[in-house]
Amino acid sequence: MRHARLTIAGLAGGALLALAVPTAAQAHVSVTPSSTAAGSSSVLTFAFSHGCDGSPTTALTFDIPESIASVSPTVHPGWTIEKIADGDRTAQVVYTAVTPVEDGFRDTIELSVRLPEDAAGETLAFPVLQSCAVGETNWSEVAEEGEAEPESPAPTILVTEATGDEHGHGAEAPADDSTDEHSHDEATEVSDAAATTSSDDTIARVLAIGGLAVGVVGIVLALTARRGATKKP
């Protein structure tokens, strides 16, 4: 009996641990970029769904990497926005909640940035200071390659190679001679078919008119013959 109780307790503890691990893993501020190509404009969507140990979130302070020259915060009806400058660049963006966001409710913040043109292969970190009604959490730690994820990871993006259309001017597609020739052949075929159809229609009309004329002549001859037969004694 005692062994059974210990087994049940162990299973229950294991289940609670299994539930707790994903919760802990999700307890961070994540970022989803609309583009990662070097030199491109990208909208970074930061998301969170937790407070500080259960306390409602009152503000989010985003640190902008020095390599990013400009940032445009997206207006959010539930937050006020402040841009903090460092020289001629925006070093921080502070979102303050009009109504504190309760723990367990999800919200998102968007920042539009221009990714550096020479940053392909680099990981850009956007540390976030989450201020709450009670306490705060600084999501600023960045793990080195091969290291486990830290307890308070900073949101990061990996910049990829430029694609050539970062400024909305993609390279024009080269002309396809085979496609043009094919289109020309199709146009010629259509033209020939139209000419053939027109010719066929003309012939058909001539034949129809000729047939009608022949029919009229036949009727006249028949009537003439009938009248002649009627006049004979």
Protein backbone atom coordinates (compact mmCIF):
# COMPACT_ATOMS: atom_id res chain seq x y z
CA MET A 1 0.00 0.00 0.00
CA ARG A 2 2.78 2.44 0.94
CA HIS A 3 4.59 1.66 -2.31
CA ALA A 4 1.41 2.40 -4.27
CA ARG A 5 0.98 5.75 -2.49
CA LEU A 6 4.58 6.72 -3.28
CA THR A 7 4.04 5.75 -6.92
CA ILE A 8 0.89 7.86 -7.18
CA ALA A 9 2.62 10.79 -5.50
CA GLY A 10 5.57 10.48 -7.88
CA LEU A 11 3.28 10.45 -10.92
CA ALA A 12 1.39 13.48 -9.63
CA GLY A 13 4.63 15.35 -9.00
CA GLY A 14 5.88 14.45 -12.45
CA ALA A 15 2.65 15.70 -14.03
CA LEU A 16 2.90 19.01 -12.19
CA LEU A 17 6.52 19.39 -13.27
CA ALA A 18 5.59 18.64 -16.88
CA LEU A 19 2.94 21.34 -16.74
CA ALA A 20 5.25 23.81 -15.06
CA VAL A 21 8.10 23.46 -17.57
CA PRO A 22 6.14 24.71 -20.62
CA THR A 23 4.70 27.55 -18.53
CA ALA A 24 8.18 28.64 -17.51
CA ALA A 25 9.44 28.33 -21.09
CA GLN A 26 6.62 30.54 -22.34
CA ALA A 27 7.16 33.18 -19.65
CA HIS A 28 9.13 35.64 -21.76
CA VAL A 29 8.69 38.44 -24.28
CA SER A 30 8.86 37.06 -27.82
CA VAL A 31 9.45 38.90 -31.10
CA THR A 32 8.26 38.05 -34.61
CA PRO A 33 9.77 40.06 -37.52
CA SER A 34 7.93 40.63 -40.79
CA SER A 35 11.32 40.52 -42.55
CA THR A 36 14.84 39.52 -41.54
CA ALA A 37 16.71 40.50 -44.72
CA ALA A 38 19.60 42.92 -44.24
CA GLY A 39 18.65 46.46 -45.27
CA SER A 40 14.92 45.74 -45.27
CA SER A 41 12.12 47.47 -43.42
CA SER A 42 10.71 45.14 -40.79
CA VAL A 43 7.79 45.32 -38.38
CA LEU A 44 8.80 43.67 -35.11
CA THR A 45 5.83 42.29 -33.19
CA PHE A 46 6.59 41.80 -29.49
CA ALA A 47 4.17 39.62 -27.55
CA PHE A 48 3.72 38.78 -23.86
CA SER A 49 1.03 37.10 -21.81
CA HIS A 50 2.29 37.31 -18.24
CA GLY A 51 3.13 39.76 -15.53
CA CYS A 52 5.91 39.84 -12.95
CA ASP A 53 5.20 36.84 -10.71
CA GLY A 54 1.49 37.42 -11.27
CA SER A 55 1.56 41.22 -10.95
CA PRO A 56 -0.11 43.26 -13.78
CA THR A 57 2.19 44.82 -16.40
CA THR A 58 2.30 48.61 -16.34
CA ALA A 59 5.07 49.45 -18.84
CA LEU A 60 7.48 48.00 -21.40
CA THR A 61 10.80 49.67 -22.17
CA PHE A 62 12.50 48.52 -25.39
CA ASP A 63 16.24 49.01 -25.91
CA ILE A 64 17.04 49.63 -29.59
CA PRO A 65 20.37 48.25 -30.91
CA GLU A 66 22.88 50.94 -31.88
CA SER A 67 23.09 49.57 -35.42
CA ILE A 68 19.44 50.50 -36.03
CA ALA A 69 19.30 54.14 -37.05
CA SER A 70 15.55 54.69 -36.96
CA VAL A 71 12.49 53.18 -35.32
CA SER A 72 8.79 54.01 -35.65
CA PRO A 73 6.57 52.79 -32.80
CA THR A 74 3.07 51.68 -33.80
CA VAL A 75 0.29 53.60 -32.07
CA HIS A 76 -1.57 51.35 -29.63
CA PRO A 77 -4.90 52.52 -28.18
CA GLY A 78 -4.19 50.88 -24.83
CA TRP A 79 -0.75 52.44 -24.34
CA THR A 80 1.02 55.80 -24.32
CA ILE A 81 4.35 56.02 -26.18
CA GLU A 82 7.61 57.83 -25.47
CA LYS A 83 10.76 57.84 -27.59
CA ILE A 84 14.01 58.42 -25.70
CA ALA A 85 16.84 59.79 -27.82
CA ASP A 86 20.56 59.26 -27.52
CA GLY A 87 22.12 61.90 -29.74
CA ASP A 88 20.45 61.73 -33.14
CA ARG A 89 19.01 58.24 -32.74
CA THR A 90 16.20 56.66 -30.72
CA ALA A 91 17.79 54.52 -28.03
CA GLN A 92 14.64 53.43 -26.20
CA VAL A 93 10.91 53.25 -26.75
CA VAL A 94 8.66 53.19 -23.67
CA TYR A 95 5.09 51.91 -23.81
CA THR A 96 3.04 52.67 -20.69
CA ALA A 97 -0.25 50.83 -20.25
CA VAL A 98 -3.34 53.01 -19.84
CA THR A 99 -4.83 50.13 -17.87
CA PRO A 100 -2.36 47.58 -16.41
CA VAL A 101 -2.40 44.28 -18.30
CA GLU A 102 -3.38 41.52 -15.92
CA ASP A 103 -1.28 38.36 -15.73
CA GLY A 104 -2.60 35.75 -18.13
CA PHE A 105 -3.81 38.24 -20.76
CA ARG A 106 -1.92 38.53 -24.05
CA ASP A 107 -0.98 41.79 -25.78
CA THR A 108 1.35 42.82 -28.59
CA ILE A 109 3.50 45.87 -29.36
CA GLU A 110 4.84 46.71 -32.83
CA LEU A 111 7.99 48.61 -33.78
CA SER A 112 8.90 49.39 -37.38
CA VAL A 113 12.66 49.44 -37.99
CA ARG A 114 15.16 49.47 -40.84
CA LEU A 115 17.55 46.54 -40.43
CA PRO A 116 21.26 47.33 -40.99
CA GLU A 117 22.48 46.62 -44.51
CA ASP A 118 25.73 45.04 -43.30
CA ALA A 119 24.27 42.87 -40.52
CA ALA A 120 23.63 39.63 -42.42
CA GLY A 121 24.40 36.68 -40.12
CA GLU A 122 24.21 38.78 -36.95
CA THR A 123 21.78 38.31 -34.08
CA LEU A 124 20.15 41.54 -32.93
CA ALA A 125 18.86 41.67 -29.36
CA PHE A 126 16.04 43.93 -28.18
CA PRO A 127 16.17 43.89 -24.36
CA VAL A 128 12.81 44.65 -22.73
CA LEU A 129 12.29 45.94 -19.21
CA GLN A 130 8.86 44.78 -18.07
CA SER A 131 7.58 46.99 -15.24
CA CYS A 132 4.68 45.76 -13.14
CA ALA A 133 2.47 47.04 -10.35
CA VAL A 134 4.74 45.08 -8.04
CA GLY A 135 8.29 44.38 -9.22
CA GLU A 136 9.83 44.20 -12.68
CA THR A 137 11.60 41.73 -14.98
CA ASN A 138 14.49 42.69 -17.22
CA TRP A 139 14.41 40.48 -20.32
CA SER A 140 17.99 41.27 -21.39
CA GLU A 141 20.09 38.11 -21.27
CA VAL A 142 21.51 36.69 -24.50
CA ALA A 143 22.87 33.16 -24.55
CA GLU A 144 26.15 32.45 -26.28
CA GLU A 145 26.21 29.80 -28.99
CA GLY A 146 25.84 26.34 -27.45
CA GLU A 147 24.57 27.66 -24.12
CA ALA A 148 21.16 26.92 -22.65
CA GLU A 149 18.48 29.61 -22.75
CA PRO A 150 18.92 32.03 -19.86
CA GLU A 151 16.22 32.67 -17.27
CA SER A 152 15.42 36.13 -18.65
CA PRO A 153 16.14 35.92 -22.39
CA ALA A 154 16.04 39.06 -24.51
CA PRO A 155 13.95 38.95 -27.69
CA THR A 156 16.32 38.42 -30.64
CA ILE A 157 16.20 38.14 -34.44
CA LEU A 158 18.76 36.68 -36.83
CA VAL A 159 19.45 38.98 -39.78
CA THR A 160 19.60 37.12 -43.09
CA GLU A 161 21.16 37.93 -46.46
CA ALA A 162 19.67 40.73 -48.54
CA THR A 163 17.24 39.59 -51.24
CA GLY A 164 17.51 42.55 -53.61
CA ASP A 165 14.01 43.96 -53.05
CA GLU A 166 14.49 45.47 -49.60
CA HIS A 167 13.45 48.90 -50.88
CA GLY A 168 10.49 47.62 -52.83
CA HIS A 169 12.32 47.68 -56.16
CA GLY A 170 12.79 44.10 -57.21
CA ALA A 171 14.84 43.22 -60.25
CA GLU A 172 12.84 43.11 -63.44
CA ALA A 173 12.32 39.65 -64.83
CA PRO A 174 14.34 39.04 -68.02
CA ALA A 175 12.43 38.81 -71.26
CA ASP A 176 11.55 35.27 -72.24
CA ASP A 177 12.01 34.96 -76.00
CA SER A 178 10.36 31.56 -76.08
CA THR A 179 7.31 32.97 -74.32
CA ASP A 180 7.13 35.93 -76.75
CA GLU A 181 7.52 33.61 -79.73
CA HIS A 182 4.85 31.33 -78.34
CA SER A 183 2.54 34.29 -77.80
CA HIS A 184 3.26 35.50 -81.35
CA ASP A 185 2.48 32.06 -82.76
CA GLU A 186 -0.75 31.94 -80.80
CA ALA A 187 -1.70 35.40 -82.07
CA THR A 188 -0.94 34.33 -85.66
CA GLU A 189 -3.00 31.18 -85.24
CA VAL A 190 -5.90 33.20 -83.87
CA SER A 191 -5.62 35.68 -86.75
CA ASP A 192 -5.50 32.87 -89.32
CA ALA A 193 -8.42 31.16 -87.68
CA ALA A 194 -10.40 34.40 -87.73
CA ALA A 195 -9.59 34.92 -91.41
CA THR A 196 -10.58 31.34 -92.20
CA THR A 197 -13.80 31.72 -90.27
CA SER A 198 -14.58 34.99 -92.09
CA SER A 199 -13.91 33.34 -95.45
CA ASP A 200 -16.07 30.37 -94.56
CA ASP A 201 -18.88 32.69 -93.51
CA THR A 202 -18.71 34.55 -96.83
CA ILE A 203 -18.85 31.34 -98.85
CA ALA A 204 -21.74 30.09 -96.76
CA ARG A 205 -23.66 33.30 -97.36
CA VAL A 206 -23.03 33.15 -101.15
CA LEU A 207 -24.21 29.56 -101.28
CA ALA A 208 -27.27 30.40 -99.23
CA ILE A 209 -28.18 33.31 -101.50
CA GLY A 210 -27.56 31.12 -104.57
CA GLY A 211 -29.75 28.38 -103.15
CA LEU A 212 -32.50 30.87 -102.44
CA ALA A 213 -32.31 32.22 -105.99
CA VAL A 214 -32.48 28.72 -107.44
CA GLY A 215 -35.48 28.01 -105.25
CA VAL A 216 -37.27 31.14 -106.45
CA VAL A 217 -36.57 30.28 -110.12
CA GLY A 218 -37.93 26.79 -109.55
CA ILE A 219 -41.11 28.15 -108.04
CA VAL A 220 -41.59 30.57 -110.96
CA LEU A 221 -41.09 27.78 -113.50
CA ALA A 222 -43.50 25.55 -111.67
CA LEU A 223 -46.19 28.21 -111.59
CA THR A 224 -45.66 28.99 -115.28
CA ALA A 225 -45.99 25.36 -116.21
CA ARG A 226 -49.13 25.00 -114.12
CA ARG A 227 -50.78 28.01 -115.79
CA GLY A 228 -49.93 26.66 -119.22
CA ALA A 229 -51.49 23.34 -118.42
CA THR A 230 -54.65 25.05 -117.17
CA LYS A 231 -55.14 27.04 -120.43
CA LYS A 232 -55.09 23.92 -122.66
CA PRO A 233 -58.64 22.76 -123.86
